[in-house]
Structure formats: C-alpha cells, structure tokens
PDB file of N, CA and C in Angstrom:
ATOM      1  N   UNK A   1       4.536   1.312   4.270  1.00  0.00           N
ATOM      2  CA  UNK A   1       4.657   0.744   3.179  1.00  0.00           C
ATOM      3  C   UNK A   1       4.422   1.478   1.804  1.00  0.00           C
ATOM      4  N   UNK A   2       5.129   1.964   0.989  1.00  0.00           N
ATOM      5  CA  UNK A   2       4.931   2.780  -0.074  1.00  0.00           C
ATOM      6  C   UNK A   2       4.227   2.112  -1.162  1.00  0.00           C
ATOM      7  N   UNK A   3       4.992   1.055  -1.427  1.00  0.00           N
ATOM      8  CA  UNK A   3       4.411   0.098  -2.480  1.00  0.00           C
ATOM      9  C   UNK A   3       3.275  -0.772  -2.033  1.00  0.00           C
ATOM     10  N   UNK A   4       2.233  -0.884  -2.974  1.00  0.00           N
ATOM     11  CA  UNK A   4       0.900  -1.629  -2.627  1.00  0.00           C
ATOM     12  C   UNK A   4       1.231  -3.323  -3.204  1.00  0.00           C
ATOM     13  N   UNK A   5       2.269  -3.767  -3.513  1.00  0.00           N
ATOM     14  CA  UNK A   5       2.459  -4.919  -4.189  1.00  0.00           C
ATOM     15  C   UNK A   5       2.527  -5.832  -2.952  1.00  0.00           C
ATOM     16  N   UNK A   6       1.582  -6.956  -3.181  1.00  0.00           N
ATOM     17  CA  UNK A   6       1.545  -8.030  -2.146  1.00  0.00           C
ATOM     18  C   UNK A   6       1.694  -9.385  -2.877  1.00  0.00           C
ATOM     19  N   UNK A   7       2.255 -10.119  -2.164  1.00  0.00           N
ATOM     20  CA  UNK A   7       2.748 -11.562  -2.837  1.00  0.00           C
ATOM     21  C   UNK A   7       2.028 -12.707  -2.137  1.00  0.00           C
ATOM     22  N   UNK A   8       1.756 -13.917  -2.666  1.00  0.00           N
ATOM     23  CA  UNK A   8       1.207 -15.005  -2.298  1.00  0.00           C
ATOM     24  C   UNK A   8       2.271 -15.615  -1.362  1.00  0.00           C
ATOM     25  N   UNK A   9       2.031 -16.459  -0.432  1.00  0.00           N
ATOM     26  CA  UNK A   9       3.140 -17.457   0.093  1.00  0.00           C
ATOM     27  C   UNK A   9       3.990 -18.061  -0.805  1.00  0.00           C
ATOM     28  N   UNK A  10       3.443 -18.603  -1.914  1.00  0.00           N
ATOM     29  CA  UNK A  10       4.178 -19.324  -2.940  1.00  0.00           C
ATOM     30  C   UNK A  10       5.430 -18.360  -3.917  1.00  0.00           C
ATOM     31  N   UNK A  11       4.787 -16.947  -3.960  1.00  0.00           N
ATOM     32  CA  UNK A  11       5.537 -16.175  -4.534  1.00  0.00           C
ATOM     33  C   UNK A  11       6.688 -15.530  -3.704  1.00  0.00           C
ATOM     34  N   UNK A  12       6.426 -15.232  -2.422  1.00  0.00           N
ATOM     35  CA  UNK A  12       7.393 -14.895  -1.497  1.00  0.00           C
ATOM     36  C   UNK A  12       8.345 -16.090  -1.202  1.00  0.00           C
ATOM     37  N   UNK A  13       8.024 -17.434  -1.198  1.00  0.00           N
ATOM     38  CA  UNK A  13       9.044 -18.458  -1.061  1.00  0.00           C
ATOM     39  C   UNK A  13       9.829 -18.383  -2.331  1.00  0.00           C
ATOM     40  N   UNK A  14       9.426 -18.041  -3.683  1.00  0.00           N
ATOM     41  CA  UNK A  14      10.143 -18.337  -4.718  1.00  0.00           C
ATOM     42  C   UNK A  14      11.112 -17.042  -4.765  1.00  0.00           C
ATOM     43  N   UNK A  15      10.820 -15.940  -4.118  1.00  0.00           N
ATOM     44  CA  UNK A  15      11.495 -14.524  -4.310  1.00  0.00           C
ATOM     45  C   UNK A  15      12.687 -14.777  -3.127  1.00  0.00           C
ATOM     46  N   UNK A  16      12.378 -15.401  -2.049  1.00  0.00           N
ATOM     47  CA  UNK A  16      13.213 -15.364  -0.865  1.00  0.00           C
ATOM     48  C   UNK A  16      14.063 -16.494  -0.785  1.00  0.00           C
ATOM     49  N   UNK A  17      13.563 -17.709  -1.383  1.00  0.00           N
ATOM     50  CA  UNK A  17      14.264 -19.012  -1.144  1.00  0.00           C
ATOM     51  C   UNK A  17      13.919 -19.692   0.133  1.00  0.00           C
ATOM     52  N   UNK A  18      12.947 -19.071   0.707  1.00  0.00           N
ATOM     53  CA  UNK A  18      12.392 -19.843   2.010  1.00  0.00           C
ATOM     54  C   UNK A  18      11.521 -20.848   1.628  1.00  0.00           C
ATOM     55  N   UNK A  19      11.332 -21.991   2.273  1.00  0.00           N
ATOM     56  CA  UNK A  19      10.383 -22.920   1.926  1.00  0.00           C
ATOM     57  C   UNK A  19       8.842 -22.329   2.218  1.00  0.00           C
ATOM     58  N   UNK A  20       7.836 -22.622   1.225  1.00  0.00           N
ATOM     59  CA  UNK A  20       6.570 -22.203   1.230  1.00  0.00           C
ATOM     60  C   UNK A  20       5.887 -22.747   2.640  1.00  0.00           C
ATOM     61  N   UNK A  21       6.186 -23.738   3.033  1.00  0.00           N
ATOM     62  CA  UNK A  21       5.621 -24.386   4.214  1.00  0.00           C
ATOM     63  C   UNK A  21       6.117 -23.602   5.510  1.00  0.00           C
ATOM     64  N   UNK A  22       7.517 -23.193   5.610  1.00  0.00           N
ATOM     65  CA  UNK A  22       7.672 -22.343   6.675  1.00  0.00           C
ATOM     66  C   UNK A  22       7.008 -21.142   6.581  1.00  0.00           C
ATOM     67  N   UNK A  23       6.877 -20.266   5.547  1.00  0.00           N
ATOM     68  CA  UNK A  23       6.079 -19.146   5.394  1.00  0.00           C
ATOM     69  C   UNK A  23       4.835 -19.435   5.789  1.00  0.00           C
ATOM     70  N   UNK A  24       3.971 -20.513   5.363  1.00  0.00           N
ATOM     71  CA  UNK A  24       2.727 -20.618   5.843  1.00  0.00           C
ATOM     72  C   UNK A  24       2.879 -21.091   7.361  1.00  0.00           C
ATOM     73  N   UNK A  25       3.759 -21.508   8.088  1.00  0.00           N
ATOM     74  CA  UNK A  25       3.747 -21.861   9.456  1.00  0.00           C
ATOM     75  C   UNK A  25       3.891 -20.256  10.202  1.00  0.00           C
ATOM     76  N   UNK A  26       4.699 -19.660   9.561  1.00  0.00           N
ATOM     77  CA  UNK A  26       4.781 -18.150  10.152  1.00  0.00           C
ATOM     78  C   UNK A  26       3.454 -17.524  10.021  1.00  0.00           C
ATOM     79  N   UNK A  27       2.702 -17.660   9.150  1.00  0.00           N
ATOM     80  CA  UNK A  27       1.304 -17.057   8.945  1.00  0.00           C
ATOM     81  C   UNK A  27       0.484 -17.601  10.027  1.00  0.00           C
ATOM     82  N   UNK A  28       0.532 -18.914  10.213  1.00  0.00           N
ATOM     83  CA  UNK A  28      -0.338 -19.579  11.179  1.00  0.00           C
ATOM     84  C   UNK A  28      -0.234 -19.302  12.609  1.00  0.00           C
ATOM     85  N   UNK A  29       1.020 -18.960  12.897  1.00  0.00           N
ATOM     86  CA  UNK A  29       1.427 -18.586  14.255  1.00  0.00           C
ATOM     87  C   UNK A  29       1.535 -16.933  14.492  1.00  0.00           C
ATOM     88  N   UNK A  30       1.139 -16.317  13.329  1.00  0.00           N
ATOM     89  CA  UNK A  30       1.045 -14.873  13.253  1.00  0.00           C
ATOM     90  C   UNK A  30       2.425 -14.181  13.647  1.00  0.00           C
ATOM     91  N   UNK A  31       3.493 -14.804  13.093  1.00  0.00           N
ATOM     92  CA  UNK A  31       4.597 -14.295  13.452  1.00  0.00           C
ATOM     93  C   UNK A  31       5.169 -13.341  12.447  1.00  0.00           C
ATOM     94  N   UNK A  32       4.443 -13.350  11.212  1.00  0.00           N
ATOM     95  CA  UNK A  32       4.851 -12.527  10.189  1.00  0.00           C
ATOM     96  C   UNK A  32       3.581 -11.835   9.559  1.00  0.00           C
ATOM     97  N   UNK A  33       3.925 -10.383   9.088  1.00  0.00           N
ATOM     98  CA  UNK A  33       3.110  -9.540   8.578  1.00  0.00           C
ATOM     99  C   UNK A  33       2.111  -9.972   7.328  1.00  0.00           C
ATOM    100  N   UNK A  34       0.915 -10.339   7.247  1.00  0.00           N
ATOM    101  CA  UNK A  34       0.002 -10.558   6.207  1.00  0.00           C
ATOM    102  C   UNK A  34      -1.213  -9.999   6.339  1.00  0.00           C
ATOM    103  N   UNK A  35      -1.708 -10.025   5.075  1.00  0.00           N
ATOM    104  CA  UNK A  35      -3.156  -9.756   4.991  1.00  0.00           C
ATOM    105  C   UNK A  35      -3.884 -11.110   4.539  1.00  0.00           C
ATOM    106  N   UNK A  36      -5.334 -10.931   5.059  1.00  0.00           N
ATOM    107  CA  UNK A  36      -6.072 -12.213   4.781  1.00  0.00           C
ATOM    108  C   UNK A  36      -7.301 -11.613   3.955  1.00  0.00           C
ATOM    109  N   UNK A  37      -7.431 -12.027   2.647  1.00  0.00           N
ATOM    110  CA  UNK A  37      -8.460 -11.657   1.859  1.00  0.00           C
ATOM    111  C   UNK A  37      -9.226 -12.682   1.382  1.00  0.00           C
ATOM    112  N   UNK A  38     -10.236 -12.881   2.180  1.00  0.00           N
ATOM    113  CA  UNK A  38     -10.990 -14.300   1.892  1.00  0.00           C
ATOM    114  C   UNK A  38     -10.225 -15.318   2.361  1.00  0.00           C
ATOM    115  N   UNK A  39      -9.922 -16.223   1.630  1.00  0.00           N
ATOM    116  CA  UNK A  39      -9.274 -17.536   1.938  1.00  0.00           C
ATOM    117  C   UNK A  39      -7.829 -17.323   1.646  1.00  0.00           C
ATOM    118  N   UNK A  40      -7.525 -16.104   1.071  1.00  0.00           N
ATOM    119  CA  UNK A  40      -5.986 -16.037   0.521  1.00  0.00           C
ATOM    120  C   UNK A  40      -5.375 -15.329   1.484  1.00  0.00           C
ATOM    121  N   UNK A  41      -3.994 -15.678   1.531  1.00  0.00           N
ATOM    122  CA  UNK A  41      -2.947 -14.746   2.382  1.00  0.00           C
ATOM    123  C   UNK A  41      -1.953 -14.044   1.341  1.00  0.00           C
ATOM    124  N   UNK A  42      -2.059 -12.797   1.683  1.00  0.00           N
ATOM    125  CA  UNK A  42      -0.969 -11.966   0.924  1.00  0.00           C
ATOM    126  C   UNK A  42       0.152 -11.269   1.734  1.00  0.00           C
ATOM    127  N   UNK A  43       1.077 -11.142   1.462  1.00  0.00           N
ATOM    128  CA  UNK A  43       2.391 -10.797   2.136  1.00  0.00           C
ATOM    129  C   UNK A  43       3.162  -9.595   1.450  1.00  0.00           C
ATOM    130  N   UNK A  44       3.681  -8.722   2.359  1.00  0.00           N
ATOM    131  CA  UNK A  44       4.442  -7.680   1.813  1.00  0.00           C
ATOM    132  C   UNK A  44       5.763  -8.181   1.141  1.00  0.00           C
ATOM    133  N   UNK A  45       6.387  -7.600   0.228  1.00  0.00           N
ATOM    134  CA  UNK A  45       7.488  -8.364  -0.254  1.00  0.00           C
ATOM    135  C   UNK A  45       8.815  -8.249   0.705  1.00  0.00           C
ATOM    136  N   UNK A  46       8.838  -7.520   1.836  1.00  0.00           N
ATOM    137  CA  UNK A  46       9.897  -7.536   2.897  1.00  0.00           C
ATOM    138  C   UNK A  46       9.458  -8.199   3.978  1.00  0.00           C
ATOM    139  N   UNK A  47       8.358  -9.034   4.055  1.00  0.00           N
ATOM    140  CA  UNK A  47       7.964  -9.581   5.192  1.00  0.00           C
ATOM    141  C   UNK A  47       8.975 -10.592   5.719  1.00  0.00           C
ATOM    142  N   UNK A  48       9.727 -11.314   5.189  1.00  0.00           N
ATOM    143  CA  UNK A  48      10.887 -12.170   5.614  1.00  0.00           C
ATOM    144  C   UNK A  48      11.836 -11.201   6.337  1.00  0.00           C
ATOM    145  N   UNK A  49      12.302 -10.242   5.713  1.00  0.00           N
ATOM    146  CA  UNK A  49      13.338  -9.284   6.227  1.00  0.00           C
ATOM    147  C   UNK A  49      12.837  -8.531   7.425  1.00  0.00           C
ATOM    148  N   UNK A  50      11.537  -8.297   7.602  1.00  0.00           N
ATOM    149  CA  UNK A  50      11.085  -7.758   8.905  1.00  0.00           C
ATOM    150  C   UNK A  50      10.972  -8.911  10.082  1.00  0.00           C
ATOM    151  N   UNK A  51      10.779 -10.089   9.565  1.00  0.00           N
ATOM    152  CA  UNK A  51      10.778 -11.206  10.586  1.00  0.00           C
ATOM    153  C   UNK A  51      12.026 -11.501  11.400  1.00  0.00           C
ATOM    154  N   UNK A  52      12.890 -11.336  10.138  1.00  0.00           N
ATOM    155  CA  UNK A  52      14.404 -11.617  10.752  1.00  0.00           C
ATOM    156  C   UNK A  52      14.978 -10.423  11.508  1.00  0.00           C
ATOM    157  N   UNK A  53      14.632  -9.185  11.301  1.00  0.00           N
ATOM    158  CA  UNK A  53      15.012  -8.038  11.991  1.00  0.00           C
ATOM    159  C   UNK A  53      14.393  -7.999  13.437  1.00  0.00           C
ATOM    160  N   UNK A  54      13.177  -8.506  13.535  1.00  0.00           N
ATOM    161  CA  UNK A  54      12.357  -8.415  14.824  1.00  0.00           C
ATOM    162  C   UNK A  54      13.110  -9.709  15.792  1.00  0.00           C
ATOM    163  N   UNK A  55      13.387 -10.815  15.182  1.00  0.00           N
ATOM    164  CA  UNK A  55      13.961 -11.833  15.734  1.00  0.00           C
ATOM    165  C   UNK A  55      15.426 -12.255  15.855  1.00  0.00           C
ATOM    166  N   UNK A  56      16.271 -11.254  15.487  1.00  0.00           N
ATOM    167  CA  UNK A  56      17.541 -11.503  15.260  1.00  0.00           C
ATOM    168  C   UNK A  56      18.084 -11.517  16.778  1.00  0.00           C
ATOM    169  N   UNK A  57      19.066 -12.182  17.128  1.00  0.00           N
ATOM    170  CA  UNK A  57      19.574 -12.428  18.347  1.00  0.00           C
ATOM    171  C   UNK A  57      20.880 -11.673  18.298  1.00  0.00           C
ATOM    172  N   UNK A  58      21.221 -10.578  18.916  1.00  0.00           N
ATOM    173  CA  UNK A  58      22.406 -10.163  19.091  1.00  0.00           C
ATOM    174  C   UNK A  58      23.484 -10.897  19.895  1.00  0.00           C
ATOM    175  N   UNK A  59      24.642 -10.915  19.538  1.00  0.00           N
ATOM    176  CA  UNK A  59      25.586 -11.736  20.546  1.00  0.00           C
ATOM    177  C   UNK A  59      25.933 -10.949  21.741  1.00  0.00           C
ATOM    178  N   UNK A  60      25.934 -11.479  22.837  1.00  0.00           N
ATOM    179  CA  UNK A  60      26.096 -10.578  24.064  1.00  0.00           C
ATOM    180  C   UNK A  60      27.630 -10.445  24.301  1.00  0.00           C
ATOM    181  N   UNK A  61      28.160  -9.427  24.640  1.00  0.00           N
ATOM    182  CA  UNK A  61      29.473  -8.954  24.638  1.00  0.00           C
ATOM    183  C   UNK A  61      29.916  -9.518  26.136  1.00  0.00           C
ATOM    184  N   UNK A  62      31.008 -10.007  26.324  1.00  0.00           N
ATOM    185  CA  UNK A  62      31.641 -10.539  27.623  1.00  0.00           C
ATOM    186  C   UNK A  62      33.084  -9.748  27.692  1.00  0.00           C
ATOM    187  N   UNK A  63      33.243  -9.580  29.032  1.00  0.00           N
ATOM    188  CA  UNK A  63      34.598  -8.792  29.338  1.00  0.00           C
ATOM    189  C   UNK A  63      35.632 -10.026  29.427  1.00  0.00           C
ATOM    190  N   UNK A  64      36.811  -9.538  28.771  1.00  0.00           N
ATOM    191  CA  UNK A  64      37.898 -10.352  28.752  1.00  0.00           C
ATOM    192  C   UNK A  64      38.251 -10.830  30.243  1.00  0.00           C
ATOM    193  N   UNK A  65      38.664 -11.919  30.563  1.00  0.00           N
ATOM    194  CA  UNK A  65      38.821 -12.436  32.031  1.00  0.00           C
ATOM    195  C   UNK A  65      37.799 -12.511  32.794  1.00  0.00           C
ATOM    196  N   UNK A  66      36.479 -12.452  32.156  1.00  0.00           N
ATOM    197  CA  UNK A  66      35.423 -12.726  33.075  1.00  0.00           C
ATOM    198  C   UNK A  66      34.954 -13.927  33.252  1.00  0.00           C
ATOM    199  N   UNK A  67      35.494 -14.782  32.581  1.00  0.00           N
ATOM    200  CA  UNK A  67      35.278 -16.326  32.555  1.00  0.00           C
ATOM    201  C   UNK A  67      33.958 -16.724  31.864  1.00  0.00           C
ATOM    202  N   UNK A  68      33.641 -18.001  31.895  1.00  0.00           N
ATOM    203  CA  UNK A  68      32.562 -18.401  31.243  1.00  0.00           C
ATOM    204  C   UNK A  68      31.209 -18.311  32.089  1.00  0.00           C
TER     205      UNK A  68
END
C-alpha cells in the first residue's frame, strides 16, 4: 500500500455504500484487513475490494451435454 491514508469503519461505509455494521462484523471475524490503534479500528480504502476479490466465487464451467 503506497498511500498511508486509513479510514474509520464509518468513513469506509460512507465511501463504499456498505453498512457500517457489516464492516464491523468483518472486522470482528478478522475477515477484512484493519489496524487496531488503541480502541480504534482503521482500514485501508481498498479493504472492501480486497475482501471481495478474496471471496469471489467463479462460476464452474460445465461441458454441454454433461447433464446436471
């Protein structure tokens, strides 16, 4: 990460449109990258994008005529 800007969960929620509660849940389950500074949680601006990339499920390809 070249840029040192970090966002609070509330700021990240406002930037991404994701609910703050969902972001805090991802923090509590350590599913998203964050920095804990005292009692504050700080996240990189691309934290949601990284989470989506790591958890994206690609469709499986099936051969025609292969059936279900």
